[in-house]
Amino acid sequence: MNDPSIEAFEKALCEYTGAPYAVAMKRCCIALKGCCEYLGVKEVFLPRRTYEFVPQALVRSRIHVRFDDRSWRGGYNLHPYPVWDYARRFLPTMYVRGQYQCLSFHRSKILGHTEGGAVLTDDPKAVLWLKQWRDDGRARSGPAIPYKMIGESGMMYPGIAVNLTLKLYWLKQYYPHGHPDLPNSDYDDLSLTDWNGTWSTQTGSV
């Protein structure tokens, strides 16, 4: 969907972070899931202390989740892939080439609102793929039917994009060098749950 307010917010994200491209999403976890599906990920390692919906979102895409003892600050990658969860970092010129950086704009985060996320990338093919995937699998050009992609209802609401663009303006005024990373000490030890087995039992799949 080509909504001007969403595109304006994506442009503002690029200008702030230094990323060549940004794709706004409904949530950070949806952004992580989309990047993994784009890259064809089958298994990832997560730090054992992170947000619980990260492994939940991944196992729903039949991605096998394992855990390690990494300590991290601000963000971590879904090892061994260049997909990064930066829900707790939002800094000027933070983008690193070759990464798929996923951001969160939940109300508890740095650029907090009610919800929202984004992918920062330098991969133009990923941008086209992720936008179609985000928009319920609808092609951005040409006929939509028959559908050639199983998509996600991952669109950011235009009103949220407007508010986030305004909040980004004020963030730059109050924190010209960037807001400090948020702590991650409040996360539980997720390695105590067998996420893959729980999903198999819940769905009756093997």
Protein backbone atom coordinates (compact mmCIF):
# COMPACT_ATOMS: atom_id res chain seq x y z
CA MET A 1 0.00 0.00 0.00
CA ASN A 2 1.42 3.37 -1.04
CA ASP A 3 0.31 5.60 1.83
CA PRO A 4 2.06 9.01 1.89
CA SER A 5 2.27 9.17 5.69
CA ILE A 6 3.93 5.75 5.90
CA GLU A 7 6.36 6.60 3.12
CA ALA A 8 7.19 9.91 4.84
CA PHE A 9 7.98 8.05 8.06
CA GLU A 10 10.14 5.52 6.20
CA LYS A 11 12.06 8.41 4.62
CA ALA A 12 12.54 10.04 8.04
CA LEU A 13 13.88 6.76 9.44
CA CYS A 14 16.43 6.54 6.63
CA GLU A 15 17.58 10.11 7.18
CA TYR A 16 17.98 9.53 10.93
CA THR A 17 19.62 6.10 10.94
CA GLY A 18 21.63 6.28 7.72
CA ALA A 19 19.89 3.24 6.22
CA PRO A 20 19.35 3.28 2.45
CA TYR A 21 15.85 1.81 2.87
CA ALA A 22 13.23 1.40 5.60
CA VAL A 23 10.07 -0.72 5.60
CA ALA A 24 7.51 0.21 8.26
CA MET A 25 5.69 -2.69 9.93
CA LYS A 26 2.94 -3.19 12.49
CA ARG A 27 5.35 -4.71 15.05
CA CYS A 28 9.04 -5.46 15.50
CA CYS A 29 8.39 -9.20 15.79
CA ILE A 30 6.56 -9.13 12.46
CA ALA A 31 9.61 -7.40 10.98
CA LEU A 32 11.91 -10.13 12.35
CA LYS A 33 9.63 -12.84 11.02
CA GLY A 34 9.50 -11.22 7.58
CA CYS A 35 13.28 -10.93 7.32
CA CYS A 36 13.69 -14.58 8.29
CA GLU A 37 11.14 -15.71 5.72
CA TYR A 38 12.83 -13.58 3.05
CA LEU A 39 16.22 -15.17 3.82
CA GLY A 40 14.80 -18.70 4.02
CA VAL A 41 15.90 -19.19 7.62
CA LYS A 42 15.33 -22.68 9.06
CA GLU A 43 17.04 -22.41 12.45
CA VAL A 44 18.35 -19.54 14.60
CA PHE A 45 20.07 -19.02 17.93
CA LEU A 46 18.65 -16.34 20.23
CA PRO A 47 20.05 -15.05 23.52
CA ARG A 48 18.17 -16.76 26.30
CA ARG A 49 16.97 -13.44 27.71
CA THR A 50 14.83 -11.57 25.22
CA TYR A 51 11.17 -10.79 24.55
CA GLU A 52 9.01 -13.92 24.53
CA PHE A 53 7.11 -13.12 21.34
CA VAL A 54 10.34 -13.30 19.32
CA PRO A 55 10.59 -17.11 19.51
CA GLN A 56 6.80 -17.38 19.30
CA ALA A 57 6.72 -15.43 16.04
CA LEU A 58 9.56 -17.48 14.58
CA VAL A 59 8.19 -20.94 15.40
CA ARG A 60 4.94 -19.94 13.71
CA SER A 61 7.01 -19.69 10.52
CA ARG A 62 8.42 -23.20 11.17
CA ILE A 63 11.80 -21.79 12.18
CA HIS A 64 13.57 -23.90 14.78
CA VAL A 65 14.62 -21.77 17.75
CA ARG A 66 17.60 -22.50 19.99
CA PHE A 67 19.24 -20.41 22.73
CA ASP A 68 22.74 -19.40 23.82
CA ASP A 69 24.27 -17.47 26.73
CA ARG A 70 25.13 -14.27 24.90
CA SER A 71 25.04 -11.01 26.78
CA TRP A 72 23.90 -8.07 24.71
CA ARG A 73 23.14 -4.39 24.86
CA GLY A 74 20.78 -2.51 22.58
CA GLY A 75 20.40 -5.35 20.10
CA TYR A 76 21.46 -8.84 19.03
CA ASN A 77 21.48 -10.84 15.83
CA LEU A 78 19.49 -13.98 15.11
CA HIS A 79 22.67 -16.03 14.81
CA PRO A 80 24.10 -16.87 12.30
CA TYR A 81 22.06 -14.52 10.12
CA PRO A 82 22.43 -10.74 9.62
CA VAL A 83 18.95 -10.15 11.07
CA TRP A 84 19.15 -7.90 14.14
CA ASP A 85 16.62 -7.22 16.86
CA TYR A 86 17.20 -3.57 17.82
CA ALA A 87 14.06 -3.10 19.88
CA ARG A 88 16.15 -1.45 22.62
CA ARG A 89 18.33 0.81 20.47
CA PHE A 90 17.45 3.75 18.25
CA LEU A 91 20.37 5.99 17.37
CA PRO A 92 21.37 8.39 14.60
CA THR A 93 23.58 6.75 11.94
CA MET A 94 23.09 3.35 13.61
CA TYR A 95 22.73 1.43 10.35
CA VAL A 96 25.48 -1.05 9.42
CA ARG A 97 25.64 -2.20 5.81
CA GLY A 98 24.62 -5.78 5.16
CA GLN A 99 22.31 -5.95 8.16
CA TYR A 100 18.54 -6.29 8.36
CA GLN A 101 17.89 -4.17 11.45
CA CYS A 102 14.46 -4.55 13.04
CA LEU A 103 13.17 -1.70 15.22
CA SER A 104 10.33 -1.44 17.74
CA PHE A 105 8.12 1.57 18.39
CA HIS A 106 6.07 0.00 21.18
CA ARG A 107 5.11 2.47 23.91
CA SER A 108 7.87 1.10 26.18
CA LYS A 109 10.60 1.75 23.61
CA ILE A 110 12.71 4.82 22.76
CA LEU A 111 10.49 6.20 20.00
CA GLY A 112 7.49 4.83 21.83
CA HIS A 113 3.91 4.90 20.59
CA THR A 114 1.12 2.32 20.85
CA GLU A 115 2.80 -0.07 18.42
CA GLY A 116 4.92 -0.18 15.28
CA GLY A 117 8.17 -1.54 13.91
CA ALA A 118 10.43 -1.28 10.89
CA VAL A 119 13.19 -2.98 8.92
CA LEU A 120 16.32 -1.03 7.96
CA THR A 121 18.24 -2.51 5.04
CA ASP A 122 20.45 -1.81 2.03
CA ASP A 123 18.88 -4.67 0.02
CA PRO A 124 16.48 -3.27 -2.61
CA LYS A 125 15.12 -6.73 -3.45
CA ALA A 126 14.27 -7.26 0.21
CA VAL A 127 12.38 -3.95 0.27
CA LEU A 128 10.12 -5.02 -2.60
CA TRP A 129 9.60 -8.48 -1.11
CA LEU A 130 8.94 -7.24 2.42
CA LYS A 131 6.46 -4.58 1.30
CA GLN A 132 4.43 -7.12 -0.68
CA TRP A 133 4.62 -9.62 2.19
CA ARG A 134 3.60 -6.89 4.69
CA ASP A 135 0.65 -5.81 2.54
CA ASP A 136 -1.22 -9.17 2.72
CA GLY A 137 0.78 -10.52 -0.22
CA ARG A 138 -0.64 -7.91 -2.58
CA ALA A 139 1.61 -6.92 -5.47
CA ARG A 140 2.50 -3.23 -5.58
CA SER A 141 2.22 -3.21 -9.37
CA GLY A 142 0.31 -5.34 -11.82
CA PRO A 143 -2.73 -7.55 -11.12
CA ALA A 144 -3.21 -8.77 -7.55
CA ILE A 145 -5.15 -11.90 -8.51
CA PRO A 146 -4.10 -14.68 -8.57
CA TYR A 147 -1.95 -14.10 -5.47
CA LYS A 148 1.66 -15.27 -5.82
CA MET A 149 2.65 -14.74 -2.19
CA ILE A 150 1.28 -15.80 1.19
CA GLY A 151 1.62 -12.52 3.01
CA GLU A 152 1.23 -11.10 6.49
CA SER A 153 -1.18 -8.47 7.76
CA GLY A 154 1.76 -6.35 8.82
CA MET A 155 0.86 -2.86 7.64
CA MET A 156 1.54 0.07 9.95
CA TYR A 157 -1.54 2.25 10.43
CA PRO A 158 -1.12 5.67 8.76
CA GLY A 159 -2.10 7.52 11.94
CA ILE A 160 0.70 5.80 13.84
CA ALA A 161 3.17 6.74 11.11
CA VAL A 162 2.15 10.40 11.44
CA ASN A 163 2.62 10.34 15.21
CA LEU A 164 5.96 8.56 14.98
CA THR A 165 7.25 11.08 12.45
CA LEU A 166 6.37 13.88 14.87
CA LYS A 167 7.94 12.02 17.82
CA LEU A 168 11.12 11.50 15.81
CA TYR A 169 11.33 15.26 15.24
CA TRP A 170 11.10 15.92 18.99
CA LEU A 171 13.51 13.09 19.83
CA LYS A 172 16.16 14.82 17.73
CA GLN A 173 15.58 18.08 19.63
CA TYR A 174 15.86 16.51 23.11
CA TYR A 175 18.57 13.94 22.30
CA PRO A 176 20.69 15.41 19.49
CA HIS A 177 23.30 12.65 19.94
CA GLY A 178 20.76 9.89 20.39
CA HIS A 179 18.88 8.36 23.31
CA PRO A 180 20.85 5.87 25.46
CA ASP A 181 20.13 2.18 24.95
CA LEU A 182 17.31 0.79 27.07
CA PRO A 183 18.21 -1.93 29.61
CA ASN A 184 17.44 -5.58 28.97
CA SER A 185 17.59 -6.77 32.58
CA ASP A 186 13.82 -7.29 32.79
CA TYR A 187 13.71 -10.22 30.34
CA ASP A 188 13.03 -13.77 31.55
CA ASP A 189 15.14 -16.82 30.72
CA LEU A 190 13.32 -18.15 27.66
CA SER A 191 15.53 -21.22 27.35
CA LEU A 192 13.38 -22.82 30.08
CA THR A 193 10.59 -23.29 27.52
CA ASP A 194 10.64 -25.74 24.61
CA TRP A 195 9.11 -23.33 22.11
CA ASN A 196 9.35 -25.70 19.14
CA GLY A 197 7.79 -28.58 21.06
CA THR A 198 5.06 -26.37 22.51
CA TRP A 199 4.07 -25.18 19.05
CA SER A 200 4.04 -28.75 17.70
CA THR A 201 1.81 -29.89 20.55
CA GLN A 202 -0.46 -26.88 20.20
CA THR A 203 -0.99 -27.39 16.48
CA GLY A 204 -0.75 -31.18 16.36
CA SER A 205 2.10 -30.91 13.84
CA VAL A 206 5.28 -32.96 13.73
